[in-house]
Every structure is written in C-alpha cells, then in structure tokens.
Amino acid sequence: MASFYVISEIYPTEDAEKVRISVINLFPETNIIIRKGRLEGEIKDIQHLMNMVIEQKIRYAFLESIHRHSDIASFSISLNKQAAFAGKVNLVDEPKPLGEIVFRGEVREPVIYFEKMLGIQGYISAREQTTSATHNGGQARSHL
C-alpha cells in the first residue's frame, strides 16, 4: 500500500494561507495541519498531481526526479511553492530562498509505481534492468 505526505516550512515572511493554497493546488485531497511555522499533511489521492504532470508534458522529467530521489520503498522530491500557488508543477533540484514543498512517499518500487501512474511503463525500469544485466554478466535481476 502506498502512503504519501507533504511538508513545507512556512517562513516568517510568508503568508501561511498562501502556502496552504499552494499545497491544495497540487494535492486537493490532503489533510493539512499548520503549526509552528510548518505545514504537514497526509495526501489521500495523488491523481490530480499526476494529471497536472501529464497536462504540462513533464512526465519524463517528473519520473527522472523520482528516480534520482528514491530507494526501493520510498521517495522524496521538492516542488516550487510559487509555481504551485499559480497552479503549476515545477520540480526543484536546488534549494530556493522561500523553500519548497516536499512530496514524499512510502511505496514499493517508486519508479515502477509512477511509470504506471503516468502511462510510461518501462521508461526507466526497463533501462535499469538492461543496466543490471550488463553489470551482472548478462543475468537480468528483477526489481519486483
């Protein structure tokens, strides 16, 4: 079973309501708690975010980010707060002055999970199996 969470620091110069709106724009099905300069929430459904990623034609960039920031059972990526406030998904690789929205989750094989969600099965997972086969004397290892 997959579990997804969102975290964002709320800096003294920021309006907590705007940060909340930024998160809701990406994850409308989220139970949000704001306390002590921090927004946290458990995300009930990520389909809205997946639809935005597909509509913005950033499926491959999104999946590459998941690949870079995941292990066998979890992932954590950062999204731009200001872009989210405007209703856009923007991946963050470098820390931003106002911080970011951290989207993290616990899911078996995050890359394969998101390949399926985004309709691009095998984009990275097939490449990984080919790489594993090359490095293991032709014996492909299953990542399942």
N, C-alpha and C. Protein backbone atom coordinates (compact mmCIF):
# COMPACT_ATOMS: atom_id res chain seq x y z
N MET A 1 0.84 -1.19 0.00
CA MET A 1 0.00 0.00 0.00
C MET A 1 0.88 1.25 0.00
N ALA A 2 0.47 2.25 -0.71
CA ALA A 2 1.24 3.49 -0.83
C ALA A 2 0.73 4.55 0.16
N SER A 3 1.66 5.30 0.72
CA SER A 3 1.34 6.42 1.60
C SER A 3 2.12 7.63 1.10
N PHE A 4 1.44 8.78 1.05
CA PHE A 4 2.06 9.99 0.53
C PHE A 4 1.88 11.14 1.51
N TYR A 5 2.91 11.99 1.59
CA TYR A 5 2.91 13.09 2.55
C TYR A 5 3.46 14.36 1.89
N VAL A 6 3.10 15.48 2.48
CA VAL A 6 3.60 16.77 2.02
C VAL A 6 4.08 17.54 3.25
N ILE A 7 5.20 18.24 3.08
CA ILE A 7 5.77 19.06 4.14
C ILE A 7 6.28 20.35 3.51
N SER A 8 6.06 21.46 4.20
CA SER A 8 6.62 22.72 3.73
C SER A 8 6.86 23.64 4.92
N GLU A 9 8.05 24.18 4.99
CA GLU A 9 8.34 25.18 6.01
C GLU A 9 7.60 26.46 5.62
N ILE A 10 7.10 27.17 6.62
CA ILE A 10 6.45 28.46 6.40
C ILE A 10 7.34 29.51 7.06
N TYR A 11 7.99 30.29 6.23
CA TYR A 11 8.92 31.29 6.74
C TYR A 11 8.18 32.51 7.26
N PRO A 12 8.79 33.27 8.18
CA PRO A 12 8.12 34.44 8.76
C PRO A 12 7.63 35.46 7.73
N THR A 13 8.29 35.53 6.59
CA THR A 13 7.88 36.47 5.54
C THR A 13 6.75 35.93 4.66
N GLU A 14 6.36 34.68 4.88
CA GLU A 14 5.32 34.06 4.05
C GLU A 14 3.96 34.09 4.74
N ASP A 15 2.94 34.11 3.93
CA ASP A 15 1.56 34.01 4.38
C ASP A 15 1.20 32.52 4.43
N ALA A 16 0.90 32.01 5.61
CA ALA A 16 0.59 30.58 5.77
C ALA A 16 -0.57 30.15 4.88
N GLU A 17 -1.54 31.02 4.67
CA GLU A 17 -2.68 30.68 3.82
C GLU A 17 -2.23 30.48 2.37
N LYS A 18 -1.29 31.29 1.90
CA LYS A 18 -0.79 31.12 0.53
C LYS A 18 -0.02 29.81 0.38
N VAL A 19 0.72 29.44 1.39
CA VAL A 19 1.42 28.15 1.35
C VAL A 19 0.39 27.02 1.33
N ARG A 20 -0.65 27.14 2.13
CA ARG A 20 -1.72 26.13 2.15
C ARG A 20 -2.36 26.02 0.77
N ILE A 21 -2.65 27.15 0.15
CA ILE A 21 -3.26 27.15 -1.20
C ILE A 21 -2.31 26.49 -2.20
N SER A 22 -1.02 26.78 -2.09
CA SER A 22 -0.04 26.15 -2.99
C SER A 22 -0.12 24.63 -2.90
N VAL A 23 -0.20 24.12 -1.69
CA VAL A 23 -0.28 22.67 -1.49
C VAL A 23 -1.60 22.12 -2.02
N ILE A 24 -2.69 22.80 -1.72
CA ILE A 24 -4.02 22.35 -2.18
C ILE A 24 -4.10 22.37 -3.71
N ASN A 25 -3.43 23.32 -4.35
CA ASN A 25 -3.42 23.36 -5.81
C ASN A 25 -2.81 22.10 -6.41
N LEU A 26 -1.85 21.50 -5.72
CA LEU A 26 -1.21 20.27 -6.20
C LEU A 26 -1.90 19.02 -5.67
N PHE A 27 -2.31 19.08 -4.42
CA PHE A 27 -2.87 17.92 -3.73
C PHE A 27 -4.18 18.30 -3.04
N PRO A 28 -5.28 18.41 -3.80
CA PRO A 28 -6.54 18.85 -3.19
C PRO A 28 -7.08 17.90 -2.12
N GLU A 29 -6.72 16.64 -2.19
CA GLU A 29 -7.19 15.65 -1.22
C GLU A 29 -6.13 15.43 -0.14
N THR A 30 -5.91 16.46 0.67
CA THR A 30 -4.87 16.39 1.70
C THR A 30 -5.40 16.92 3.02
N ASN A 31 -5.13 16.19 4.09
CA ASN A 31 -5.42 16.67 5.44
C ASN A 31 -4.23 17.51 5.88
N ILE A 32 -4.43 18.81 5.98
CA ILE A 32 -3.32 19.73 6.28
C ILE A 32 -3.37 20.18 7.73
N ILE A 33 -2.19 20.20 8.34
CA ILE A 33 -2.02 20.74 9.68
C ILE A 33 -0.91 21.78 9.59
N ILE A 34 -1.17 22.97 10.14
CA ILE A 34 -0.15 24.02 10.19
C ILE A 34 0.13 24.31 11.65
N ARG A 35 1.41 24.20 12.00
CA ARG A 35 1.81 24.53 13.37
C ARG A 35 3.29 24.87 13.41
N LYS A 36 3.60 25.85 14.21
CA LYS A 36 4.98 26.26 14.45
C LYS A 36 5.78 26.45 13.16
N GLY A 37 5.22 27.19 12.23
CA GLY A 37 5.96 27.51 11.01
C GLY A 37 6.18 26.36 10.06
N ARG A 38 5.29 25.39 10.12
CA ARG A 38 5.45 24.20 9.27
C ARG A 38 4.08 23.67 8.86
N LEU A 39 3.96 23.36 7.59
CA LEU A 39 2.75 22.73 7.06
C LEU A 39 3.07 21.26 6.83
N GLU A 40 2.17 20.40 7.28
CA GLU A 40 2.32 18.96 7.06
C GLU A 40 0.97 18.41 6.66
N GLY A 41 1.00 17.36 5.88
CA GLY A 41 -0.26 16.74 5.51
C GLY A 41 -0.09 15.35 4.95
N GLU A 42 -1.12 14.55 5.16
CA GLU A 42 -1.18 13.23 4.54
C GLU A 42 -2.04 13.37 3.29
N ILE A 43 -1.48 12.97 2.17
CA ILE A 43 -2.16 13.09 0.88
C ILE A 43 -3.01 11.85 0.66
N LYS A 44 -4.30 12.07 0.43
CA LYS A 44 -5.22 10.94 0.22
C LYS A 44 -5.21 10.44 -1.21
N ASP A 45 -4.95 11.34 -2.17
CA ASP A 45 -5.03 10.99 -3.59
C ASP A 45 -4.04 11.86 -4.37
N ILE A 46 -3.21 11.22 -5.19
CA ILE A 46 -2.23 11.97 -5.98
C ILE A 46 -2.64 12.11 -7.45
N GLN A 47 -3.84 11.68 -7.80
CA GLN A 47 -4.25 11.70 -9.20
C GLN A 47 -4.25 13.11 -9.79
N HIS A 48 -4.65 14.11 -9.00
CA HIS A 48 -4.65 15.49 -9.50
C HIS A 48 -3.24 15.91 -9.92
N LEU A 49 -2.26 15.61 -9.08
CA LEU A 49 -0.87 15.93 -9.42
C LEU A 49 -0.45 15.19 -10.69
N MET A 50 -0.81 13.91 -10.79
CA MET A 50 -0.44 13.14 -11.98
C MET A 50 -1.07 13.75 -13.24
N ASN A 51 -2.32 14.18 -13.13
CA ASN A 51 -2.98 14.84 -14.27
C ASN A 51 -2.25 16.12 -14.67
N MET A 52 -1.82 16.90 -13.68
CA MET A 52 -1.08 18.14 -13.96
C MET A 52 0.25 17.83 -14.65
N VAL A 53 0.94 16.83 -14.17
CA VAL A 53 2.23 16.43 -14.76
C VAL A 53 2.03 16.04 -16.23
N ILE A 54 0.98 15.28 -16.50
CA ILE A 54 0.68 14.86 -17.87
C ILE A 54 0.30 16.06 -18.73
N GLU A 55 -0.59 16.92 -18.22
CA GLU A 55 -1.04 18.10 -18.98
C GLU A 55 0.12 19.05 -19.29
N GLN A 56 1.04 19.20 -18.36
CA GLN A 56 2.19 20.09 -18.56
C GLN A 56 3.30 19.43 -19.39
N LYS A 57 3.08 18.18 -19.76
CA LYS A 57 4.06 17.44 -20.58
C LYS A 57 5.43 17.35 -19.91
N ILE A 58 5.40 17.05 -18.60
CA ILE A 58 6.66 16.90 -17.86
C ILE A 58 6.77 15.50 -17.24
N ARG A 59 6.09 14.52 -17.84
CA ARG A 59 6.11 13.16 -17.30
C ARG A 59 7.53 12.62 -17.15
N TYR A 60 8.34 12.79 -18.18
CA TYR A 60 9.69 12.23 -18.15
C TYR A 60 10.57 12.93 -17.12
N ALA A 61 10.48 14.25 -17.04
CA ALA A 61 11.25 15.00 -16.04
C ALA A 61 10.82 14.61 -14.63
N PHE A 62 9.50 14.46 -14.43
CA PHE A 62 8.98 14.06 -13.12
C PHE A 62 9.52 12.68 -12.75
N LEU A 63 9.45 11.75 -13.67
CA LEU A 63 9.91 10.39 -13.41
C LEU A 63 11.42 10.35 -13.15
N GLU A 64 12.18 11.14 -13.88
CA GLU A 64 13.63 11.21 -13.64
C GLU A 64 13.91 11.74 -12.24
N SER A 65 13.13 12.71 -11.79
CA SER A 65 13.30 13.25 -10.44
C SER A 65 12.99 12.18 -9.40
N ILE A 66 11.91 11.43 -9.60
CA ILE A 66 11.58 10.32 -8.69
C ILE A 66 12.75 9.33 -8.67
N HIS A 67 13.26 9.01 -9.83
CA HIS A 67 14.37 8.05 -9.94
C HIS A 67 15.59 8.52 -9.16
N ARG A 68 15.93 9.79 -9.28
CA ARG A 68 17.11 10.35 -8.58
C ARG A 68 16.92 10.42 -7.07
N HIS A 69 15.68 10.53 -6.63
CA HIS A 69 15.41 10.78 -5.21
C HIS A 69 14.57 9.66 -4.58
N SER A 70 14.91 8.41 -4.92
CA SER A 70 14.15 7.29 -4.35
C SER A 70 15.07 6.13 -4.02
N ASP A 71 14.53 5.23 -3.22
CA ASP A 71 15.19 3.95 -2.97
C ASP A 71 14.14 2.87 -3.23
N ILE A 72 14.33 1.69 -2.72
CA ILE A 72 13.45 0.57 -3.03
C ILE A 72 12.01 0.76 -2.52
N ALA A 73 11.83 1.57 -1.48
CA ALA A 73 10.49 1.66 -0.88
C ALA A 73 10.04 3.08 -0.54
N SER A 74 10.78 4.11 -0.98
CA SER A 74 10.36 5.47 -0.66
C SER A 74 10.98 6.46 -1.65
N PHE A 75 10.44 7.67 -1.62
CA PHE A 75 10.96 8.75 -2.47
C PHE A 75 10.69 10.07 -1.77
N SER A 76 11.39 11.10 -2.20
CA SER A 76 11.17 12.45 -1.70
C SER A 76 11.64 13.43 -2.77
N ILE A 77 10.71 14.24 -3.29
CA ILE A 77 11.07 15.25 -4.28
C ILE A 77 10.56 16.61 -3.81
N SER A 78 11.14 17.66 -4.37
CA SER A 78 10.76 19.02 -3.99
C SER A 78 10.08 19.72 -5.16
N LEU A 79 9.05 20.49 -4.82
CA LEU A 79 8.26 21.23 -5.80
C LEU A 79 8.26 22.71 -5.42
N ASN A 80 8.27 23.57 -6.41
CA ASN A 80 8.33 25.01 -6.20
C ASN A 80 7.01 25.55 -5.65
N LYS A 81 7.09 26.27 -4.52
CA LYS A 81 5.88 26.83 -3.87
C LYS A 81 5.19 27.87 -4.74
N GLN A 82 5.97 28.77 -5.33
CA GLN A 82 5.37 29.85 -6.11
C GLN A 82 4.68 29.31 -7.35
N ALA A 83 5.29 28.35 -8.01
CA ALA A 83 4.66 27.73 -9.18
C ALA A 83 3.37 27.02 -8.75
N ALA A 84 3.42 26.33 -7.62
CA ALA A 84 2.23 25.63 -7.12
C ALA A 84 1.11 26.62 -6.82
N PHE A 85 1.46 27.77 -6.27
CA PHE A 85 0.44 28.79 -5.99
C PHE A 85 -0.26 29.21 -7.28
N ALA A 86 0.50 29.22 -8.39
CA ALA A 86 -0.05 29.58 -9.70
C ALA A 86 -0.70 28.39 -10.40
N GLY A 87 -0.73 27.23 -9.72
CA GLY A 87 -1.37 26.05 -10.30
C GLY A 87 -0.50 25.27 -11.26
N LYS A 88 0.81 25.37 -11.10
CA LYS A 88 1.76 24.67 -11.97
C LYS A 88 2.67 23.75 -11.15
N VAL A 89 3.12 22.69 -11.77
CA VAL A 89 4.10 21.79 -11.17
C VAL A 89 5.47 22.21 -11.68
N ASN A 90 6.39 22.48 -10.76
CA ASN A 90 7.75 22.84 -11.12
C ASN A 90 8.68 22.09 -10.16
N LEU A 91 9.50 21.21 -10.71
CA LEU A 91 10.42 20.42 -9.92
C LEU A 91 11.60 21.27 -9.47
N VAL A 92 12.06 21.05 -8.25
CA VAL A 92 13.16 21.83 -7.68
C VAL A 92 14.34 20.89 -7.41
N ASP A 93 15.48 21.20 -7.99
CA ASP A 93 16.70 20.44 -7.70
C ASP A 93 17.60 21.17 -6.72
N GLU A 94 17.60 22.48 -6.77
CA GLU A 94 18.41 23.30 -5.88
C GLU A 94 17.50 23.99 -4.87
N PRO A 95 17.93 24.10 -3.61
CA PRO A 95 17.10 24.80 -2.62
C PRO A 95 16.78 26.23 -3.06
N LYS A 96 15.55 26.66 -2.79
CA LYS A 96 15.09 28.01 -3.14
C LYS A 96 15.04 28.86 -1.88
N PRO A 97 15.17 30.20 -2.02
CA PRO A 97 15.15 31.07 -0.85
C PRO A 97 13.89 30.92 0.01
N LEU A 98 12.74 30.72 -0.63
CA LEU A 98 11.50 30.57 0.14
C LEU A 98 11.18 29.12 0.45
N GLY A 99 12.11 28.25 0.16
CA GLY A 99 11.87 26.84 0.44
C GLY A 99 11.01 26.21 -0.63
N GLU A 100 10.60 25.01 -0.37
CA GLU A 100 9.81 24.28 -1.34
C GLU A 100 8.78 23.41 -0.65
N ILE A 101 7.98 22.78 -1.47
CA ILE A 101 7.01 21.81 -0.99
C ILE A 101 7.66 20.45 -1.18
N VAL A 102 7.79 19.70 -0.11
CA VAL A 102 8.39 18.38 -0.19
C VAL A 102 7.28 17.34 -0.30
N PHE A 103 7.30 16.58 -1.38
CA PHE A 103 6.36 15.50 -1.65
C PHE A 103 7.13 14.20 -1.44
N ARG A 104 6.70 13.44 -0.45
CA ARG A 104 7.40 12.19 -0.18
C ARG A 104 6.40 11.06 -0.02
N GLY A 105 6.90 9.87 -0.18
CA GLY A 105 6.00 8.74 -0.07
C GLY A 105 6.72 7.45 0.26
N GLU A 106 5.92 6.54 0.74
CA GLU A 106 6.37 5.19 1.01
C GLU A 106 5.58 4.28 0.08
N VAL A 107 6.27 3.75 -0.90
CA VAL A 107 5.65 2.90 -1.90
C VAL A 107 6.72 1.95 -2.44
N ARG A 108 6.35 0.71 -2.60
CA ARG A 108 7.31 -0.27 -3.14
C ARG A 108 7.64 0.08 -4.58
N GLU A 109 8.92 0.12 -4.91
CA GLU A 109 9.39 0.41 -6.26
C GLU A 109 8.78 1.72 -6.80
N PRO A 110 9.14 2.87 -6.24
CA PRO A 110 8.55 4.15 -6.66
C PRO A 110 8.63 4.41 -8.16
N VAL A 111 9.73 4.06 -8.79
CA VAL A 111 9.87 4.32 -10.23
C VAL A 111 8.81 3.55 -11.01
N ILE A 112 8.67 2.27 -10.72
CA ILE A 112 7.68 1.45 -11.42
C ILE A 112 6.27 1.96 -11.12
N TYR A 113 6.01 2.32 -9.87
CA TYR A 113 4.70 2.84 -9.47
C TYR A 113 4.33 4.07 -10.31
N PHE A 114 5.26 5.03 -10.41
CA PHE A 114 4.97 6.26 -11.14
C PHE A 114 5.00 6.07 -12.65
N GLU A 115 5.78 5.12 -13.13
CA GLU A 115 5.70 4.80 -14.57
C GLU A 115 4.27 4.39 -14.92
N LYS A 116 3.68 3.55 -14.09
CA LYS A 116 2.30 3.11 -14.33
C LYS A 116 1.32 4.27 -14.21
N MET A 117 1.48 5.09 -13.17
CA MET A 117 0.58 6.23 -12.96
C MET A 117 0.62 7.21 -14.14
N LEU A 118 1.79 7.35 -14.74
CA LEU A 118 1.98 8.32 -15.81
C LEU A 118 1.85 7.70 -17.21
N GLY A 119 1.58 6.41 -17.25
CA GLY A 119 1.38 5.76 -18.54
C GLY A 119 2.64 5.61 -19.38
N ILE A 120 3.79 5.48 -18.72
CA ILE A 120 5.05 5.30 -19.45
C ILE A 120 5.83 4.12 -18.86
N GLN A 121 5.15 2.98 -18.75
CA GLN A 121 5.77 1.79 -18.19
C GLN A 121 7.06 1.45 -18.93
N GLY A 122 8.08 1.13 -18.14
CA GLY A 122 9.34 0.70 -18.71
C GLY A 122 10.30 1.81 -19.08
N TYR A 123 9.91 3.07 -18.95
CA TYR A 123 10.79 4.17 -19.36
C TYR A 123 12.12 4.11 -18.61
N ILE A 124 12.08 3.98 -17.30
CA ILE A 124 13.30 3.87 -16.51
C ILE A 124 13.53 2.44 -16.06
N SER A 125 12.49 1.74 -15.63
CA SER A 125 12.66 0.39 -15.08
C SER A 125 13.27 -0.56 -16.10
N ALA A 126 12.90 -0.47 -17.37
CA ALA A 126 13.50 -1.33 -18.39
C ALA A 126 14.97 -0.98 -18.58
N ARG A 127 15.28 0.30 -18.53
CA ARG A 127 16.67 0.76 -18.65
C ARG A 127 17.50 0.22 -17.48
N GLU A 128 16.91 0.23 -16.29
CA GLU A 128 17.59 -0.28 -15.10
C GLU A 128 17.87 -1.77 -15.22
N GLN A 129 16.91 -2.52 -15.74
CA GLN A 129 17.11 -3.96 -15.90
C GLN A 129 18.20 -4.24 -16.93
N THR A 130 18.25 -3.46 -18.00
CA THR A 130 19.28 -3.61 -19.01
C THR A 130 20.65 -3.32 -18.41
N THR A 131 20.73 -2.26 -17.61
CA THR A 131 21.98 -1.91 -16.94
C THR A 131 22.41 -3.00 -15.98
N SER A 132 21.46 -3.54 -15.21
CA SER A 132 21.76 -4.61 -14.27
C SER A 132 22.26 -5.84 -15.01
N ALA A 133 21.63 -6.17 -16.13
CA ALA A 133 22.04 -7.34 -16.91
C ALA A 133 23.47 -7.16 -17.42
N THR A 134 23.79 -5.97 -17.88
CA THR A 134 25.13 -5.69 -18.39
C THR A 134 26.18 -5.83 -17.29
N HIS A 135 25.85 -5.37 -16.08
CA HIS A 135 26.80 -5.41 -14.97
C HIS A 135 26.83 -6.75 -14.25
N ASN A 136 25.92 -7.65 -14.57
CA ASN A 136 25.86 -8.94 -13.89
C ASN A 136 26.07 -10.10 -14.86
N GLY A 137 26.92 -9.90 -15.83
CA GLY A 137 27.25 -10.96 -16.76
C GLY A 137 26.08 -11.45 -17.57
N GLY A 138 25.16 -10.55 -17.91
CA GLY A 138 24.03 -10.91 -18.75
C GLY A 138 22.83 -11.43 -17.98
N GLN A 139 22.94 -11.57 -16.68
CA GLN A 139 21.82 -12.06 -15.88
C GLN A 139 21.01 -10.88 -15.37
N ALA A 140 19.84 -10.67 -15.94
CA ALA A 140 18.98 -9.56 -15.51
C ALA A 140 18.40 -9.88 -14.14
N ARG A 141 18.41 -8.88 -13.27
CA ARG A 141 17.79 -9.03 -11.95
C ARG A 141 16.42 -8.40 -11.99
N SER A 142 15.50 -9.05 -11.37
CA SER A 142 14.15 -8.49 -11.28
C SER A 142 14.13 -7.44 -10.18
N HIS A 143 13.47 -6.32 -10.44
CA HIS A 143 13.32 -5.26 -9.43
C HIS A 143 11.97 -5.37 -8.75
N LEU A 144 11.26 -6.46 -8.95
CA LEU A 144 9.92 -6.60 -8.35
C LEU A 144 9.97 -7.34 -7.06
